[in-house]
């Protein structure tokens, strides 16, 4: 049986506040979703979880979570 504490379970059930994307420096390059961020209960910070770390030059952009964008990303694959 897998052990988890209540904080981990609560965080997993909660939708992320922000989605992290890697944006390459070249023009019209596609954005790659690389992770998400959840806000803290005290609203003074975020927990950032990156599923991958970009090696190429570019920026990491955090955008508000929009369920419609996730559906569009999944449909594009």
PDB file of N, CA and C in Angstrom:
ATOM      1  N   UNK A   1       0.840  -1.176   0.000  1.00  0.00           N
ATOM      2  CA  UNK A   1       0.000   0.000   0.000  1.00  0.00           C
ATOM      3  C   UNK A   1       0.888   1.244   0.000  1.00  0.00           C
ATOM      4  N   UNK A   2       0.573   2.175  -0.860  1.00  0.00           N
ATOM      5  CA  UNK A   2       1.357   3.398  -0.980  1.00  0.00           C
ATOM      6  C   UNK A   2       1.011   4.364   0.153  1.00  0.00           C
ATOM      7  N   UNK A   3       2.046   4.916   0.761  1.00  0.00           N
ATOM      8  CA  UNK A   3       1.838   5.895   1.830  1.00  0.00           C
ATOM      9  C   UNK A   3       1.813   7.294   1.238  1.00  0.00           C
ATOM     10  N   UNK A   4       0.840   8.075   1.639  1.00  0.00           N
ATOM     11  CA  UNK A   4       0.795   9.492   1.287  1.00  0.00           C
ATOM     12  C   UNK A   4       0.237  10.238   2.483  1.00  0.00           C
ATOM     13  N   UNK A   5       0.679  11.470   2.631  1.00  0.00           N
ATOM     14  CA  UNK A   5       0.106  12.246   3.726  1.00  0.00           C
ATOM     15  C   UNK A   5      -1.045  13.099   3.192  1.00  0.00           C
ATOM     16  N   UNK A   6      -1.790  13.707   4.092  1.00  0.00           N
ATOM     17  CA  UNK A   6      -2.984  14.453   3.707  1.00  0.00           C
ATOM     18  C   UNK A   6      -2.649  15.650   2.834  1.00  0.00           C
ATOM     19  N   UNK A   7      -1.525  16.316   3.083  1.00  0.00           N
ATOM     20  CA  UNK A   7      -1.146  17.473   2.278  1.00  0.00           C
ATOM     21  C   UNK A   7      -0.911  17.069   0.827  1.00  0.00           C
ATOM     22  N   UNK A   8      -0.230  15.957   0.608  1.00  0.00           N
ATOM     23  CA  UNK A   8       0.016  15.491  -0.751  1.00  0.00           C
ATOM     24  C   UNK A   8      -1.294  15.150  -1.446  1.00  0.00           C
ATOM     25  N   UNK A   9      -2.202  14.493  -0.752  1.00  0.00           N
ATOM     26  CA  UNK A   9      -3.482  14.129  -1.343  1.00  0.00           C
ATOM     27  C   UNK A   9      -4.286  15.368  -1.706  1.00  0.00           C
ATOM     28  N   UNK A  10      -4.278  16.378  -0.845  1.00  0.00           N
ATOM     29  CA  UNK A  10      -5.014  17.606  -1.117  1.00  0.00           C
ATOM     30  C   UNK A  10      -4.431  18.321  -2.326  1.00  0.00           C
ATOM     31  N   UNK A  11      -3.103  18.352  -2.434  1.00  0.00           N
ATOM     32  CA  UNK A  11      -2.466  19.028  -3.555  1.00  0.00           C
ATOM     33  C   UNK A  11      -2.758  18.301  -4.864  1.00  0.00           C
ATOM     34  N   UNK A  12      -2.742  16.987  -4.844  1.00  0.00           N
ATOM     35  CA  UNK A  12      -2.990  16.217  -6.051  1.00  0.00           C
ATOM     36  C   UNK A  12      -4.419  16.414  -6.558  1.00  0.00           C
ATOM     37  N   UNK A  13      -5.364  16.609  -5.674  1.00  0.00           N
ATOM     38  CA  UNK A  13      -6.754  16.769  -6.064  1.00  0.00           C
ATOM     39  C   UNK A  13      -7.049  18.172  -6.576  1.00  0.00           C
ATOM     40  N   UNK A  14      -6.232  19.136  -6.227  1.00  0.00           N
ATOM     41  CA  UNK A  14      -6.453  20.530  -6.577  1.00  0.00           C
ATOM     42  C   UNK A  14      -5.856  20.847  -7.946  1.00  0.00           C
ATOM     43  N   UNK A  15      -6.607  21.548  -8.775  1.00  0.00           N
ATOM     44  CA  UNK A  15      -6.099  21.956 -10.088  1.00  0.00           C
ATOM     45  C   UNK A  15      -4.981  22.978  -9.906  1.00  0.00           C
ATOM     46  N   UNK A  16      -3.994  22.980 -10.786  1.00  0.00           N
ATOM     47  CA  UNK A  16      -2.908  23.948 -10.652  1.00  0.00           C
ATOM     48  C   UNK A  16      -3.395  25.371 -10.907  1.00  0.00           C
ATOM     49  N   UNK A  17      -2.748  26.322 -10.272  1.00  0.00           N
ATOM     50  CA  UNK A  17      -3.071  27.730 -10.485  1.00  0.00           C
ATOM     51  C   UNK A  17      -2.418  28.237 -11.767  1.00  0.00           C
ATOM     52  N   UNK A  18      -1.229  27.712 -12.066  1.00  0.00           N
ATOM     53  CA  UNK A  18      -0.466  28.155 -13.232  1.00  0.00           C
ATOM     54  C   UNK A  18       0.097  26.949 -13.973  1.00  0.00           C
ATOM     55  N   UNK A  19       0.257  27.096 -15.275  1.00  0.00           N
ATOM     56  CA  UNK A  19       0.890  26.077 -16.104  1.00  0.00           C
ATOM     57  C   UNK A  19       2.221  26.649 -16.582  1.00  0.00           C
ATOM     58  N   UNK A  20       3.280  25.845 -16.501  1.00  0.00           N
ATOM     59  CA  UNK A  20       4.620  26.272 -16.925  1.00  0.00           C
ATOM     60  C   UNK A  20       4.876  25.790 -18.352  1.00  0.00           C
ATOM     61  N   UNK A  21       5.351  26.707 -19.190  1.00  0.00           N
ATOM     62  CA  UNK A  21       5.692  26.397 -20.577  1.00  0.00           C
ATOM     63  C   UNK A  21       7.126  26.821 -20.854  1.00  0.00           C
ATOM     64  N   UNK A  22       7.809  26.095 -21.739  1.00  0.00           N
ATOM     65  CA  UNK A  22       9.102  26.536 -22.260  1.00  0.00           C
ATOM     66  C   UNK A  22       8.818  27.201 -23.594  1.00  0.00           C
ATOM     67  N   UNK A  23       9.330  28.431 -23.756  1.00  0.00           N
ATOM     68  CA  UNK A  23       9.136  29.193 -24.985  1.00  0.00           C
ATOM     69  C   UNK A  23      10.504  29.415 -25.617  1.00  0.00           C
ATOM     70  N   UNK A  24      10.794  28.757 -26.756  1.00  0.00           N
ATOM     71  CA  UNK A  24      12.087  28.936 -27.423  1.00  0.00           C
ATOM     72  C   UNK A  24      12.267  30.368 -27.917  1.00  0.00           C
ATOM     73  N   UNK A  25      13.514  30.752 -28.152  1.00  0.00           N
ATOM     74  CA  UNK A  25      13.815  32.118 -28.589  1.00  0.00           C
ATOM     75  C   UNK A  25      13.451  32.375 -30.048  1.00  0.00           C
ATOM     76  N   UNK A  26      13.347  31.328 -30.859  1.00  0.00           N
ATOM     77  CA  UNK A  26      13.068  31.550 -32.279  1.00  0.00           C
ATOM     78  C   UNK A  26      11.601  31.936 -32.495  1.00  0.00           C
ATOM     79  N   UNK A  27      11.356  32.684 -33.568  1.00  0.00           N
ATOM     80  CA  UNK A  27      10.008  33.164 -33.884  1.00  0.00           C
ATOM     81  C   UNK A  27       9.056  32.018 -34.203  1.00  0.00           C
ATOM     82  N   UNK A  28       7.832  32.161 -33.753  1.00  0.00           N
ATOM     83  CA  UNK A  28       6.737  31.226 -34.022  1.00  0.00           C
ATOM     84  C   UNK A  28       7.024  29.781 -33.619  1.00  0.00           C
ATOM     85  N   UNK A  29       7.908  29.591 -32.676  1.00  0.00           N
ATOM     86  CA  UNK A  29       8.199  28.242 -32.173  1.00  0.00           C
ATOM     87  C   UNK A  29       7.064  27.813 -31.244  1.00  0.00           C
ATOM     88  N   UNK A  30       6.725  26.540 -31.242  1.00  0.00           N
ATOM     89  CA  UNK A  30       5.641  26.086 -30.357  1.00  0.00           C
ATOM     90  C   UNK A  30       6.057  26.117 -28.886  1.00  0.00           C
ATOM     91  N   UNK A  31       5.105  26.419 -28.033  1.00  0.00           N
ATOM     92  CA  UNK A  31       5.336  26.381 -26.599  1.00  0.00           C
ATOM     93  C   UNK A  31       5.192  24.936 -26.142  1.00  0.00           C
ATOM     94  N   UNK A  32       6.047  24.515 -25.227  1.00  0.00           N
ATOM     95  CA  UNK A  32       6.003  23.156 -24.699  1.00  0.00           C
ATOM     96  C   UNK A  32       5.621  23.203 -23.228  1.00  0.00           C
ATOM     97  N   UNK A  33       4.555  22.493 -22.881  1.00  0.00           N
ATOM     98  CA  UNK A  33       4.145  22.441 -21.474  1.00  0.00           C
ATOM     99  C   UNK A  33       5.165  21.604 -20.711  1.00  0.00           C
ATOM    100  N   UNK A  34       5.717  22.178 -19.632  1.00  0.00           N
ATOM    101  CA  UNK A  34       6.768  21.482 -18.889  1.00  0.00           C
ATOM    102  C   UNK A  34       6.439  21.278 -17.416  1.00  0.00           C
ATOM    103  N   UNK A  35       5.319  21.827 -16.947  1.00  0.00           N
ATOM    104  CA  UNK A  35       4.982  21.643 -15.543  1.00  0.00           C
ATOM    105  C   UNK A  35       3.801  22.492 -15.112  1.00  0.00           C
ATOM    106  N   UNK A  36       3.661  22.645 -13.788  1.00  0.00           N
ATOM    107  CA  UNK A  36       2.543  23.391 -13.218  1.00  0.00           C
ATOM    108  C   UNK A  36       2.935  23.957 -11.859  1.00  0.00           C
ATOM    109  N   UNK A  37       2.135  24.911 -11.385  1.00  0.00           N
ATOM    110  CA  UNK A  37       2.374  25.529 -10.078  1.00  0.00           C
ATOM    111  C   UNK A  37       1.061  25.603  -9.305  1.00  0.00           C
ATOM    112  N   UNK A  38       1.145  25.302  -8.013  1.00  0.00           N
ATOM    113  CA  UNK A  38      -0.006  25.367  -7.120  1.00  0.00           C
ATOM    114  C   UNK A  38       0.251  26.463  -6.098  1.00  0.00           C
ATOM    115  N   UNK A  39      -0.800  27.247  -5.795  1.00  0.00           N
ATOM    116  CA  UNK A  39      -0.635  28.317  -4.812  1.00  0.00           C
ATOM    117  C   UNK A  39      -0.664  27.755  -3.398  1.00  0.00           C
ATOM    118  N   UNK A  40       0.039  28.452  -2.518  1.00  0.00           N
ATOM    119  CA  UNK A  40       0.078  28.077  -1.104  1.00  0.00           C
ATOM    120  C   UNK A  40      -1.196  28.557  -0.418  1.00  0.00           C
ATOM    121  N   UNK A  41      -1.546  27.902   0.658  1.00  0.00           N
ATOM    122  CA  UNK A  41      -2.752  28.283   1.404  1.00  0.00           C
ATOM    123  C   UNK A  41      -2.690  29.731   1.873  1.00  0.00           C
ATOM    124  N   UNK A  42      -1.490  30.189   2.257  1.00  0.00           N
ATOM    125  CA  UNK A  42      -1.364  31.561   2.756  1.00  0.00           C
ATOM    126  C   UNK A  42      -1.293  32.587   1.624  1.00  0.00           C
ATOM    127  N   UNK A  43      -1.374  32.131   0.371  1.00  0.00           N
ATOM    128  CA  UNK A  43      -1.390  32.985  -0.824  1.00  0.00           C
ATOM    129  C   UNK A  43      -0.141  33.851  -0.960  1.00  0.00           C
ATOM    130  N   UNK A  44       0.990  33.376  -0.426  1.00  0.00           N
ATOM    131  CA  UNK A  44       2.219  34.156  -0.493  1.00  0.00           C
ATOM    132  C   UNK A  44       3.278  33.484  -1.353  1.00  0.00           C
ATOM    133  N   UNK A  45       2.899  32.425  -2.059  1.00  0.00           N
ATOM    134  CA  UNK A  45       3.873  31.733  -2.892  1.00  0.00           C
ATOM    135  C   UNK A  45       3.250  30.587  -3.659  1.00  0.00           C
ATOM    136  N   UNK A  46       4.109  29.879  -4.395  1.00  0.00           N
ATOM    137  CA  UNK A  46       3.671  28.761  -5.224  1.00  0.00           C
ATOM    138  C   UNK A  46       4.624  27.587  -5.062  1.00  0.00           C
ATOM    139  N   UNK A  47       4.110  26.394  -5.282  1.00  0.00           N
ATOM    140  CA  UNK A  47       4.934  25.201  -5.398  1.00  0.00           C
ATOM    141  C   UNK A  47       4.999  24.880  -6.881  1.00  0.00           C
ATOM    142  N   UNK A  48       6.208  24.839  -7.425  1.00  0.00           N
ATOM    143  CA  UNK A  48       6.415  24.598  -8.851  1.00  0.00           C
ATOM    144  C   UNK A  48       6.885  23.168  -9.052  1.00  0.00           C
ATOM    145  N   UNK A  49       6.189  22.438  -9.905  1.00  0.00           N
ATOM    146  CA  UNK A  49       6.581  21.074 -10.251  1.00  0.00           C
ATOM    147  C   UNK A  49       6.880  21.040 -11.741  1.00  0.00           C
ATOM    148  N   UNK A  50       8.142  20.779 -12.082  1.00  0.00           N
ATOM    149  CA  UNK A  50       8.545  20.680 -13.481  1.00  0.00           C
ATOM    150  C   UNK A  50       8.681  19.215 -13.857  1.00  0.00           C
ATOM    151  N   UNK A  51       8.017  18.823 -14.927  1.00  0.00           N
ATOM    152  CA  UNK A  51       8.108  17.454 -15.425  1.00  0.00           C
ATOM    153  C   UNK A  51       9.303  17.291 -16.348  1.00  0.00           C
ATOM    154  N   UNK A  52       9.775  18.404 -16.873  1.00  0.00           N
ATOM    155  CA  UNK A  52      11.003  18.393 -17.636  1.00  0.00           C
ATOM    156  C   UNK A  52      11.646  19.753 -17.554  1.00  0.00           C
ATOM    157  N   UNK A  53      12.962  19.777 -17.696  1.00  0.00           N
ATOM    158  CA  UNK A  53      13.720  21.019 -17.595  1.00  0.00           C
ATOM    159  C   UNK A  53      14.333  21.295 -18.962  1.00  0.00           C
ATOM    160  N   UNK A  54      14.016  22.454 -19.560  1.00  0.00           N
ATOM    161  CA  UNK A  54      14.522  22.741 -20.901  1.00  0.00           C
ATOM    162  C   UNK A  54      16.038  22.917 -20.920  1.00  0.00           C
ATOM    163  N   UNK A  55      16.643  22.422 -21.993  1.00  0.00           N
ATOM    164  CA  UNK A  55      18.081  22.569 -22.189  1.00  0.00           C
ATOM    165  C   UNK A  55      18.339  23.675 -23.209  1.00  0.00           C
ATOM    166  N   UNK A  56      17.448  23.822 -24.166  1.00  0.00           N
ATOM    167  CA  UNK A  56      17.591  24.828 -25.218  1.00  0.00           C
ATOM    168  C   UNK A  56      17.344  26.228 -24.655  1.00  0.00           C
ATOM    169  N   UNK A  57      17.889  27.219 -25.351  1.00  0.00           N
ATOM    170  CA  UNK A  57      17.688  28.607 -24.943  1.00  0.00           C
ATOM    171  C   UNK A  57      16.211  28.971 -25.048  1.00  0.00           C
ATOM    172  N   UNK A  58      15.774  29.821 -24.163  1.00  0.00           N
ATOM    173  CA  UNK A  58      14.384  30.258 -24.162  1.00  0.00           C
ATOM    174  C   UNK A  58      13.980  30.725 -22.780  1.00  0.00           C
ATOM    175  N   UNK A  59      12.681  30.850 -22.582  1.00  0.00           N
ATOM    176  CA  UNK A  59      12.132  31.325 -21.314  1.00  0.00           C
ATOM    177  C   UNK A  59      11.166  30.296 -20.756  1.00  0.00           C
ATOM    178  N   UNK A  60      10.943  30.357 -19.451  1.00  0.00           N
ATOM    179  CA  UNK A  60       9.859  29.603 -18.834  1.00  0.00           C
ATOM    180  C   UNK A  60       8.763  30.617 -18.535  1.00  0.00           C
ATOM    181  N   UNK A  61       7.580  30.349 -19.071  1.00  0.00           N
ATOM    182  CA  UNK A  61       6.440  31.246 -18.920  1.00  0.00           C
ATOM    183  C   UNK A  61       5.387  30.541 -18.075  1.00  0.00           C
ATOM    184  N   UNK A  62       4.850  31.252 -17.087  1.00  0.00           N
ATOM    185  CA  UNK A  62       3.769  30.722 -16.253  1.00  0.00           C
ATOM    186  C   UNK A  62       2.473  31.419 -16.653  1.00  0.00           C
ATOM    187  N   UNK A  63       1.469  30.615 -17.011  1.00  0.00           N
ATOM    188  CA  UNK A  63       0.175  31.149 -17.432  1.00  0.00           C
ATOM    189  C   UNK A  63      -0.921  30.570 -16.545  1.00  0.00           C
ATOM    190  N   UNK A  64      -2.004  31.323 -16.377  1.00  0.00           N
ATOM    191  CA  UNK A  64      -3.127  30.830 -15.588  1.00  0.00           C
ATOM    192  C   UNK A  64      -3.660  29.539 -16.185  1.00  0.00           C
ATOM    193  N   UNK A  65      -4.103  28.641 -15.312  1.00  0.00           N
ATOM    194  CA  UNK A  65      -4.660  27.359 -15.737  1.00  0.00           C
ATOM    195  C   UNK A  65      -5.995  27.583 -16.432  1.00  0.00           C
ATOM    196  N   UNK A  66      -6.149  27.002 -17.617  1.00  0.00           N
ATOM    197  CA  UNK A  66      -7.392  27.061 -18.380  1.00  0.00           C
ATOM    198  C   UNK A  66      -7.676  25.654 -18.897  1.00  0.00           C
ATOM    199  N   UNK A  67      -8.683  24.970 -18.365  1.00  0.00           N
ATOM    200  CA  UNK A  67      -8.955  23.593 -18.790  1.00  0.00           C
ATOM    201  C   UNK A  67      -9.137  23.452 -20.299  1.00  0.00           C
ATOM    202  N   UNK A  68      -9.636  24.489 -20.963  1.00  0.00           N
ATOM    203  CA  UNK A  68      -9.817  24.427 -22.420  1.00  0.00           C
ATOM    204  C   UNK A  68      -8.482  24.272 -23.138  1.00  0.00           C
ATOM    205  N   UNK A  69      -7.444  24.922 -22.632  1.00  0.00           N
ATOM    206  CA  UNK A  69      -6.124  24.819 -23.270  1.00  0.00           C
ATOM    207  C   UNK A  69      -5.576  23.404 -23.154  1.00  0.00           C
ATOM    208  N   UNK A  70      -5.821  22.732 -22.041  1.00  0.00           N
ATOM    209  CA  UNK A  70      -5.357  21.361 -21.854  1.00  0.00           C
ATOM    210  C   UNK A  70      -6.036  20.451 -22.872  1.00  0.00           C
ATOM    211  N   UNK A  71      -7.344  20.637 -23.072  1.00  0.00           N
ATOM    212  CA  UNK A  71      -8.074  19.835 -24.054  1.00  0.00           C
ATOM    213  C   UNK A  71      -7.517  20.062 -25.456  1.00  0.00           C
ATOM    214  N   UNK A  72      -7.180  21.318 -25.788  1.00  0.00           N
ATOM    215  CA  UNK A  72      -6.616  21.627 -27.101  1.00  0.00           C
ATOM    216  C   UNK A  72      -5.255  20.965 -27.274  1.00  0.00           C
ATOM    217  N   UNK A  73      -4.423  20.994 -26.229  1.00  0.00           N
ATOM    218  CA  UNK A  73      -3.102  20.368 -26.295  1.00  0.00           C
ATOM    219  C   UNK A  73      -3.226  18.867 -26.519  1.00  0.00           C
ATOM    220  N   UNK A  74      -4.149  18.232 -25.810  1.00  0.00           N
ATOM    221  CA  UNK A  74      -4.332  16.788 -25.948  1.00  0.00           C
ATOM    222  C   UNK A  74      -4.872  16.437 -27.323  1.00  0.00           C
ATOM    223  N   UNK A  75      -5.703  17.290 -27.883  1.00  0.00           N
ATOM    224  CA  UNK A  75      -6.252  17.050 -29.212  1.00  0.00           C
ATOM    225  C   UNK A  75      -5.221  17.209 -30.306  1.00  0.00           C
ATOM    226  N   UNK A  76      -4.177  18.015 -30.062  1.00  0.00           N
ATOM    227  CA  UNK A  76      -3.129  18.260 -31.057  1.00  0.00           C
ATOM    228  C   UNK A  76      -2.149  17.106 -31.148  1.00  0.00           C
ATOM    229  N   UNK A  77      -2.084  16.247 -30.139  1.00  0.00           N
ATOM    230  CA  UNK A  77      -1.118  15.142 -30.128  1.00  0.00           C
ATOM    231  C   UNK A  77      -1.553  13.998 -30.994  1.00  0.00           C
TER     232      UNK A  77
END
